[in-house]
Amino acid sequence: MLQQTQVARVIPRFISWMQEFPDAASLSRAPKSRVLLAWSGLGYNRRALALHAASSVIAGPWAGILPPDEKALMSLPGV
């Protein structure tokens, strides 16, 4: 969220984001439209979509096998 966005604008959005999506499972279950709405105003919506896609991997196939190795992390969408 902080990449090219002022800290003062991010802080309240980050708090709201974490309340709505406290973990990868909750983010992965959310519809893309809700994720984009929660991200709106921060720019670069592809970042929100990449987080959503990565959360699906983390909460799905990787569930219970964390922490993954560096190669696995580098394979996540958006990394």
PDB file of N, CA and C in Angstrom:
ATOM      1  N   MET A   1       0.811  -1.201   0.000  1.00  0.00           N
ATOM      2  CA  MET A   1       0.000   0.000   0.000  1.00  0.00           C
ATOM      3  C   MET A   1       0.855   1.265   0.000  1.00  0.00           C
ATOM      4  N   LEU A   2       2.027   1.186   0.561  1.00  0.00           N
ATOM      5  CA  LEU A   2       2.852   2.379   0.688  1.00  0.00           C
ATOM      6  C   LEU A   2       3.635   2.729  -0.567  1.00  0.00           C
ATOM      7  N   GLN A   3       3.693   1.824  -1.509  1.00  0.00           N
ATOM      8  CA  GLN A   3       4.458   2.130  -2.718  1.00  0.00           C
ATOM      9  C   GLN A   3       3.757   3.242  -3.492  1.00  0.00           C
ATOM     10  N   GLN A   4       4.382   4.390  -3.555  1.00  0.00           N
ATOM     11  CA  GLN A   4       3.892   5.570  -4.257  1.00  0.00           C
ATOM     12  C   GLN A   4       2.578   6.109  -3.689  1.00  0.00           C
ATOM     13  N   THR A   5       2.309   5.831  -2.413  1.00  0.00           N
ATOM     14  CA  THR A   5       1.136   6.388  -1.747  1.00  0.00           C
ATOM     15  C   THR A   5       1.599   6.965  -0.417  1.00  0.00           C
ATOM     16  N   GLN A   6       1.148   8.153  -0.094  1.00  0.00           N
ATOM     17  CA  GLN A   6       1.577   8.821   1.129  1.00  0.00           C
ATOM     18  C   GLN A   6       1.141   8.048   2.367  1.00  0.00           C
ATOM     19  N   VAL A   7       2.025   8.022   3.363  1.00  0.00           N
ATOM     20  CA  VAL A   7       1.775   7.286   4.604  1.00  0.00           C
ATOM     21  C   VAL A   7       0.471   7.743   5.256  1.00  0.00           C
ATOM     22  N   ALA A   8       0.244   9.029   5.285  1.00  0.00           N
ATOM     23  CA  ALA A   8      -0.967   9.558   5.924  1.00  0.00           C
ATOM     24  C   ALA A   8      -2.239   9.024   5.266  1.00  0.00           C
ATOM     25  N   ARG A   9      -2.191   8.747   3.977  1.00  0.00           N
ATOM     26  CA  ARG A   9      -3.351   8.178   3.287  1.00  0.00           C
ATOM     27  C   ARG A   9      -3.466   6.678   3.522  1.00  0.00           C
ATOM     28  N   VAL A  10      -2.339   6.028   3.746  1.00  0.00           N
ATOM     29  CA  VAL A  10      -2.340   4.570   3.876  1.00  0.00           C
ATOM     30  C   VAL A  10      -2.790   4.110   5.263  1.00  0.00           C
ATOM     31  N   ILE A  11      -2.379   4.777   6.305  1.00  0.00           N
ATOM     32  CA  ILE A  11      -2.629   4.297   7.665  1.00  0.00           C
ATOM     33  C   ILE A  11      -4.102   3.937   7.905  1.00  0.00           C
ATOM     34  N   PRO A  12      -5.053   4.845   7.664  1.00  0.00           N
ATOM     35  CA  PRO A  12      -6.450   4.449   7.910  1.00  0.00           C
ATOM     36  C   PRO A  12      -6.931   3.339   6.982  1.00  0.00           C
ATOM     37  N   ARG A  13      -6.421   3.319   5.762  1.00  0.00           N
ATOM     38  CA  ARG A  13      -6.818   2.278   4.813  1.00  0.00           C
ATOM     39  C   ARG A  13      -6.268   0.919   5.230  1.00  0.00           C
ATOM     40  N   PHE A  14      -5.026   0.911   5.732  1.00  0.00           N
ATOM     41  CA  PHE A  14      -4.418  -0.334   6.199  1.00  0.00           C
ATOM     42  C   PHE A  14      -5.201  -0.891   7.385  1.00  0.00           C
ATOM     43  N   ILE A  15      -5.557  -0.031   8.321  1.00  0.00           N
ATOM     44  CA  ILE A  15      -6.326  -0.474   9.489  1.00  0.00           C
ATOM     45  C   ILE A  15      -7.658  -1.065   9.048  1.00  0.00           C
ATOM     46  N   SER A  16      -8.336  -0.383   8.152  1.00  0.00           N
ATOM     47  CA  SER A  16      -9.614  -0.880   7.637  1.00  0.00           C
ATOM     48  C   SER A  16      -9.437  -2.206   6.904  1.00  0.00           C
ATOM     49  N   TRP A  17      -8.387  -2.294   6.075  1.00  0.00           N
ATOM     50  CA  TRP A  17      -8.091  -3.515   5.320  1.00  0.00           C
ATOM     51  C   TRP A  17      -7.886  -4.692   6.270  1.00  0.00           C
ATOM     52  N   MET A  18      -7.082  -4.484   7.299  1.00  0.00           N
ATOM     53  CA  MET A  18      -6.774  -5.562   8.240  1.00  0.00           C
ATOM     54  C   MET A  18      -7.991  -5.967   9.066  1.00  0.00           C
ATOM     55  N   GLN A  19      -8.896  -5.038   9.310  1.00  0.00           N
ATOM     56  CA  GLN A  19     -10.134  -5.401  10.002  1.00  0.00           C
ATOM     57  C   GLN A  19     -11.021  -6.265   9.119  1.00  0.00           C
ATOM     58  N   GLU A  20     -11.053  -5.945   7.846  1.00  0.00           N
ATOM     59  CA  GLU A  20     -11.890  -6.709   6.916  1.00  0.00           C
ATOM     60  C   GLU A  20     -11.242  -8.013   6.478  1.00  0.00           C
ATOM     61  N   PHE A  21      -9.929  -7.988   6.291  1.00  0.00           N
ATOM     62  CA  PHE A  21      -9.193  -9.155   5.808  1.00  0.00           C
ATOM     63  C   PHE A  21      -8.035  -9.456   6.773  1.00  0.00           C
ATOM     64  N   PRO A  22      -8.334 -10.013   7.937  1.00  0.00           N
ATOM     65  CA  PRO A  22      -7.281 -10.228   8.941  1.00  0.00           C
ATOM     66  C   PRO A  22      -6.294 -11.342   8.611  1.00  0.00           C
ATOM     67  N   ASP A  23      -6.626 -12.172   7.638  1.00  0.00           N
ATOM     68  CA  ASP A  23      -5.740 -13.275   7.281  1.00  0.00           C
ATOM     69  C   ASP A  23      -5.939 -13.645   5.811  1.00  0.00           C
ATOM     70  N   ALA A  24      -5.073 -14.517   5.342  1.00  0.00           N
ATOM     71  CA  ALA A  24      -5.125 -14.916   3.934  1.00  0.00           C
ATOM     72  C   ALA A  24      -6.440 -15.603   3.584  1.00  0.00           C
ATOM     73  N   ALA A  25      -6.959 -16.381   4.509  1.00  0.00           N
ATOM     74  CA  ALA A  25      -8.207 -17.098   4.225  1.00  0.00           C
ATOM     75  C   ALA A  25      -9.370 -16.133   3.995  1.00  0.00           C
ATOM     76  N   SER A  26      -9.481 -15.107   4.823  1.00  0.00           N
ATOM     77  CA  SER A  26     -10.590 -14.162   4.648  1.00  0.00           C
ATOM     78  C   SER A  26     -10.434 -13.364   3.355  1.00  0.00           C
ATOM     79  N   LEU A  27      -9.214 -13.008   3.009  1.00  0.00           N
ATOM     80  CA  LEU A  27      -8.987 -12.295   1.756  1.00  0.00           C
ATOM     81  C   LEU A  27      -9.287 -13.193   0.559  1.00  0.00           C
ATOM     82  N   SER A  28      -8.883 -14.436   0.632  1.00  0.00           N
ATOM     83  CA  SER A  28      -9.113 -15.346  -0.502  1.00  0.00           C
ATOM     84  C   SER A  28     -10.599 -15.625  -0.726  1.00  0.00           C
ATOM     85  N   ARG A  29     -11.403 -15.585   0.331  1.00  0.00           N
ATOM     86  CA  ARG A  29     -12.845 -15.826   0.210  1.00  0.00           C
ATOM     87  C   ARG A  29     -13.611 -14.612  -0.313  1.00  0.00           C
ATOM     88  N   ALA A  30     -13.020 -13.442  -0.207  1.00  0.00           N
ATOM     89  CA  ALA A  30     -13.710 -12.217  -0.616  1.00  0.00           C
ATOM     90  C   ALA A  30     -13.811 -12.148  -2.134  1.00  0.00           C
ATOM     91  N   PRO A  31     -14.931 -11.647  -2.630  1.00  0.00           N
ATOM     92  CA  PRO A  31     -15.027 -11.450  -4.084  1.00  0.00           C
ATOM     93  C   PRO A  31     -14.054 -10.357  -4.531  1.00  0.00           C
ATOM     94  N   LYS A  32     -13.560 -10.493  -5.732  1.00  0.00           N
ATOM     95  CA  LYS A  32     -12.609  -9.498  -6.260  1.00  0.00           C
ATOM     96  C   LYS A  32     -13.189  -8.090  -6.200  1.00  0.00           C
ATOM     97  N   SER A  33     -14.480  -7.984  -6.445  1.00  0.00           N
ATOM     98  CA  SER A  33     -15.101  -6.656  -6.428  1.00  0.00           C
ATOM     99  C   SER A  33     -14.982  -6.007  -5.048  1.00  0.00           C
ATOM    100  N   ARG A  34     -15.101  -6.808  -3.994  1.00  0.00           N
ATOM    101  CA  ARG A  34     -14.981  -6.273  -2.629  1.00  0.00           C
ATOM    102  C   ARG A  34     -13.531  -5.883  -2.332  1.00  0.00           C
ATOM    103  N   VAL A  35     -12.590  -6.695  -2.789  1.00  0.00           N
ATOM    104  CA  VAL A  35     -11.167  -6.400  -2.596  1.00  0.00           C
ATOM    105  C   VAL A  35     -10.819  -5.095  -3.296  1.00  0.00           C
ATOM    106  N   LEU A  36     -11.290  -4.926  -4.510  1.00  0.00           N
ATOM    107  CA  LEU A  36     -11.019  -3.692  -5.254  1.00  0.00           C
ATOM    108  C   LEU A  36     -11.677  -2.483  -4.595  1.00  0.00           C
ATOM    109  N   LEU A  37     -12.863  -2.659  -4.065  1.00  0.00           N
ATOM    110  CA  LEU A  37     -13.533  -1.563  -3.371  1.00  0.00           C
ATOM    111  C   LEU A  37     -12.744  -1.160  -2.122  1.00  0.00           C
ATOM    112  N   ALA A  38     -12.265  -2.135  -1.381  1.00  0.00           N
ATOM    113  CA  ALA A  38     -11.473  -1.846  -0.180  1.00  0.00           C
ATOM    114  C   ALA A  38     -10.148  -1.174  -0.542  1.00  0.00           C
ATOM    115  N   TRP A  39      -9.628  -1.454  -1.720  1.00  0.00           N
ATOM    116  CA  TRP A  39      -8.353  -0.900  -2.169  1.00  0.00           C
ATOM    117  C   TRP A  39      -8.523   0.471  -2.837  1.00  0.00           C
ATOM    118  N   SER A  40      -9.721   0.810  -3.243  1.00  0.00           N
ATOM    119  CA  SER A  40      -9.934   2.012  -4.054  1.00  0.00           C
ATOM    120  C   SER A  40      -9.335   3.250  -3.405  1.00  0.00           C
ATOM    121  N   GLY A  41      -8.739   4.066  -4.256  1.00  0.00           N
ATOM    122  CA  GLY A  41      -8.086   5.279  -3.794  1.00  0.00           C
ATOM    123  C   GLY A  41      -6.602   5.111  -3.547  1.00  0.00           C
ATOM    124  N   LEU A  42      -6.120   3.877  -3.550  1.00  0.00           N
ATOM    125  CA  LEU A  42      -4.691   3.636  -3.323  1.00  0.00           C
ATOM    126  C   LEU A  42      -3.920   3.490  -4.634  1.00  0.00           C
ATOM    127  N   GLY A  43      -4.623   3.375  -5.731  1.00  0.00           N
ATOM    128  CA  GLY A  43      -3.975   3.247  -7.037  1.00  0.00           C
ATOM    129  C   GLY A  43      -3.456   1.847  -7.289  1.00  0.00           C
ATOM    130  N   TYR A  44      -3.099   1.598  -8.541  1.00  0.00           N
ATOM    131  CA  TYR A  44      -2.513   0.317  -8.946  1.00  0.00           C
ATOM    132  C   TYR A  44      -3.338  -0.874  -8.449  1.00  0.00           C
ATOM    133  N   ASN A  45      -4.551  -0.968  -8.943  1.00  0.00           N
ATOM    134  CA  ASN A  45      -5.459  -2.034  -8.511  1.00  0.00           C
ATOM    135  C   ASN A  45      -4.893  -3.429  -8.728  1.00  0.00           C
ATOM    136  N   ARG A  46      -3.944  -3.562  -9.646  1.00  0.00           N
ATOM    137  CA  ARG A  46      -3.362  -4.893  -9.871  1.00  0.00           C
ATOM    138  C   ARG A  46      -2.684  -5.413  -8.604  1.00  0.00           C
ATOM    139  N   ARG A  47      -2.234  -4.520  -7.739  1.00  0.00           N
ATOM    140  CA  ARG A  47      -1.634  -4.957  -6.474  1.00  0.00           C
ATOM    141  C   ARG A  47      -2.670  -5.658  -5.607  1.00  0.00           C
ATOM    142  N   ALA A  48      -3.858  -5.096  -5.544  1.00  0.00           N
ATOM    143  CA  ALA A  48      -4.929  -5.720  -4.763  1.00  0.00           C
ATOM    144  C   ALA A  48      -5.297  -7.076  -5.365  1.00  0.00           C
ATOM    145  N   LEU A  49      -5.351  -7.139  -6.684  1.00  0.00           N
ATOM    146  CA  LEU A  49      -5.677  -8.405  -7.340  1.00  0.00           C
ATOM    147  C   LEU A  49      -4.572  -9.439  -7.123  1.00  0.00           C
ATOM    148  N   ALA A  50      -3.316  -8.996  -7.108  1.00  0.00           N
ATOM    149  CA  ALA A  50      -2.207  -9.920  -6.833  1.00  0.00           C
ATOM    150  C   ALA A  50      -2.263 -10.414  -5.394  1.00  0.00           C
ATOM    151  N   LEU A  51      -2.577  -9.537  -4.451  1.00  0.00           N
ATOM    152  CA  LEU A  51      -2.731  -9.967  -3.054  1.00  0.00           C
ATOM    153  C   LEU A  51      -3.856 -10.995  -2.934  1.00  0.00           C
ATOM    154  N   HIS A  52      -4.941 -10.735  -3.638  1.00  0.00           N
ATOM    155  CA  HIS A  52      -6.079 -11.657  -3.613  1.00  0.00           C
ATOM    156  C   HIS A  52      -5.672 -13.021  -4.175  1.00  0.00           C
ATOM    157  N   ALA A  53      -4.980 -13.013  -5.297  1.00  0.00           N
ATOM    158  CA  ALA A  53      -4.541 -14.265  -5.908  1.00  0.00           C
ATOM    159  C   ALA A  53      -3.526 -14.990  -5.018  1.00  0.00           C
ATOM    160  N   ALA A  54      -2.592 -14.250  -4.431  1.00  0.00           N
ATOM    161  CA  ALA A  54      -1.601 -14.861  -3.544  1.00  0.00           C
ATOM    162  C   ALA A  54      -2.269 -15.447  -2.309  1.00  0.00           C
ATOM    163  N   SER A  55      -3.275 -14.767  -1.791  1.00  0.00           N
ATOM    164  CA  SER A  55      -3.963 -15.283  -0.601  1.00  0.00           C
ATOM    165  C   SER A  55      -4.662 -16.607  -0.901  1.00  0.00           C
ATOM    166  N   SER A  56      -5.108 -16.767  -2.136  1.00  0.00           N
ATOM    167  CA  SER A  56      -5.750 -18.034  -2.515  1.00  0.00           C
ATOM    168  C   SER A  56      -4.757 -19.189  -2.487  1.00  0.00           C
ATOM    169  N   VAL A  57      -3.520 -18.922  -2.846  1.00  0.00           N
ATOM    170  CA  VAL A  57      -2.470 -19.944  -2.785  1.00  0.00           C
ATOM    171  C   VAL A  57      -2.100 -20.222  -1.330  1.00  0.00           C
ATOM    172  N   ILE A  58      -1.917 -19.150  -0.565  1.00  0.00           N
ATOM    173  CA  ILE A  58      -1.494 -19.294   0.834  1.00  0.00           C
ATOM    174  C   ILE A  58      -2.560 -20.005   1.664  1.00  0.00           C
ATOM    175  N   ALA A  59      -3.816 -19.649   1.454  1.00  0.00           N
ATOM    176  CA  ALA A  59      -4.900 -20.251   2.232  1.00  0.00           C
ATOM    177  C   ALA A  59      -5.356 -21.587   1.653  1.00  0.00           C
ATOM    178  N   GLY A  60      -4.949 -21.879   0.433  1.00  0.00           N
ATOM    179  CA  GLY A  60      -5.358 -23.118  -0.225  1.00  0.00           C
ATOM    180  C   GLY A  60      -4.275 -24.165  -0.187  1.00  0.00           C
ATOM    181  N   PRO A  61      -3.547 -24.306  -1.299  1.00  0.00           N
ATOM    182  CA  PRO A  61      -2.544 -25.372  -1.387  1.00  0.00           C
ATOM    183  C   PRO A  61      -1.444 -25.303  -0.325  1.00  0.00           C
ATOM    184  N   TRP A  62      -1.132 -24.109   0.150  1.00  0.00           N
ATOM    185  CA  TRP A  62      -0.062 -23.994   1.139  1.00  0.00           C
ATOM    186  C   TRP A  62      -0.552 -24.094   2.580  1.00  0.00           C
ATOM    187  N   ALA A  63      -1.837 -24.154   2.795  1.00  0.00           N
ATOM    188  CA  ALA A  63      -2.378 -24.163   4.157  1.00  0.00           C
ATOM    189  C   ALA A  63      -1.746 -25.295   4.965  1.00  0.00           C
ATOM    190  N   GLY A  64      -1.198 -24.942   6.102  1.00  0.00           N
ATOM    191  CA  GLY A  64      -0.595 -25.931   6.982  1.00  0.00           C
ATOM    192  C   GLY A  64       0.843 -26.267   6.678  1.00  0.00           C
ATOM    193  N   ILE A  65       1.400 -25.732   5.595  1.00  0.00           N
ATOM    194  CA  ILE A  65       2.799 -26.049   5.277  1.00  0.00           C
ATOM    195  C   ILE A  65       3.685 -24.803   5.298  1.00  0.00           C
ATOM    196  N   LEU A  66       3.204 -23.772   5.940  1.00  0.00           N
ATOM    197  CA  LEU A  66       4.002 -22.555   6.048  1.00  0.00           C
ATOM    198  C   LEU A  66       5.041 -22.721   7.141  1.00  0.00           C
ATOM    199  N   PRO A  67       6.179 -22.094   7.100  1.00  0.00           N
ATOM    200  CA  PRO A  67       6.547 -21.130   6.082  1.00  0.00           C
ATOM    201  C   PRO A  67       7.135 -21.799   4.850  1.00  0.00           C
ATOM    202  N   PRO A  68       6.784 -21.268   3.678  1.00  0.00           N
ATOM    203  CA  PRO A  68       7.344 -21.801   2.443  1.00  0.00           C
ATOM    204  C   PRO A  68       8.786 -21.328   2.252  1.00  0.00           C
ATOM    205  N   ASP A  69       9.488 -21.979   1.359  1.00  0.00           N
ATOM    206  CA  ASP A  69      10.860 -21.554   1.073  1.00  0.00           C
ATOM    207  C   ASP A  69      10.845 -20.345   0.133  1.00  0.00           C
ATOM    208  N   GLU A  70      12.018 -19.780  -0.089  1.00  0.00           N
ATOM    209  CA  GLU A  70      12.129 -18.562  -0.897  1.00  0.00           C
ATOM    210  C   GLU A  70      11.629 -18.777  -2.319  1.00  0.00           C
ATOM    211  N   LYS A  71      11.933 -19.918  -2.904  1.00  0.00           N
ATOM    212  CA  LYS A  71      11.489 -20.199  -4.277  1.00  0.00           C
ATOM    213  C   LYS A  71       9.963 -20.205  -4.359  1.00  0.00           C
ATOM    214  N   ALA A  72       9.328 -20.795  -3.359  1.00  0.00           N
ATOM    215  CA  ALA A  72       7.869 -20.828  -3.335  1.00  0.00           C
ATOM    216  C   ALA A  72       7.310 -19.422  -3.195  1.00  0.00           C
ATOM    217  N   LEU A  73       7.885 -18.621  -2.332  1.00  0.00           N
ATOM    218  CA  LEU A  73       7.419 -17.245  -2.163  1.00  0.00           C
ATOM    219  C   LEU A  73       7.560 -16.451  -3.457  1.00  0.00           C
ATOM    220  N   MET A  74       8.636 -16.669  -4.159  1.00  0.00           N
ATOM    221  CA  MET A  74       8.860 -15.950  -5.410  1.00  0.00           C
ATOM    222  C   MET A  74       7.859 -16.359  -6.490  1.00  0.00           C
ATOM    223  N   SER A  75       7.190 -17.471  -6.313  1.00  0.00           N
ATOM    224  CA  SER A  75       6.203 -17.929  -7.301  1.00  0.00           C
ATOM    225  C   SER A  75       4.814 -17.330  -7.082  1.00  0.00           C
ATOM    226  N   LEU A  76       4.626 -16.626  -5.978  1.00  0.00           N
ATOM    227  CA  LEU A  76       3.321 -16.051  -5.690  1.00  0.00           C
ATOM    228  C   LEU A  76       2.973 -14.944  -6.707  1.00  0.00           C
ATOM    229  N   PRO A  77       1.696 -14.823  -7.042  1.00  0.00           N
ATOM    230  CA  PRO A  77       1.288 -13.746  -7.949  1.00  0.00           C
ATOM    231  C   PRO A  77       1.679 -12.381  -7.377  1.00  0.00           C
ATOM    232  N   GLY A  78       2.240 -11.544  -8.225  1.00  0.00           N
ATOM    233  CA  GLY A  78       2.605 -10.194  -7.820  1.00  0.00           C
ATOM    234  C   GLY A  78       3.982 -10.044  -7.220  1.00  0.00           C
ATOM    235  N   VAL A  79       4.678 -11.154  -6.990  1.00  0.00           N
ATOM    236  CA  VAL A  79       6.017 -11.065  -6.392  1.00  0.00           C
ATOM    237  C   VAL A  79       7.051 -10.974  -7.491  1.00  0.00           C
TER     238      VAL A  79
END
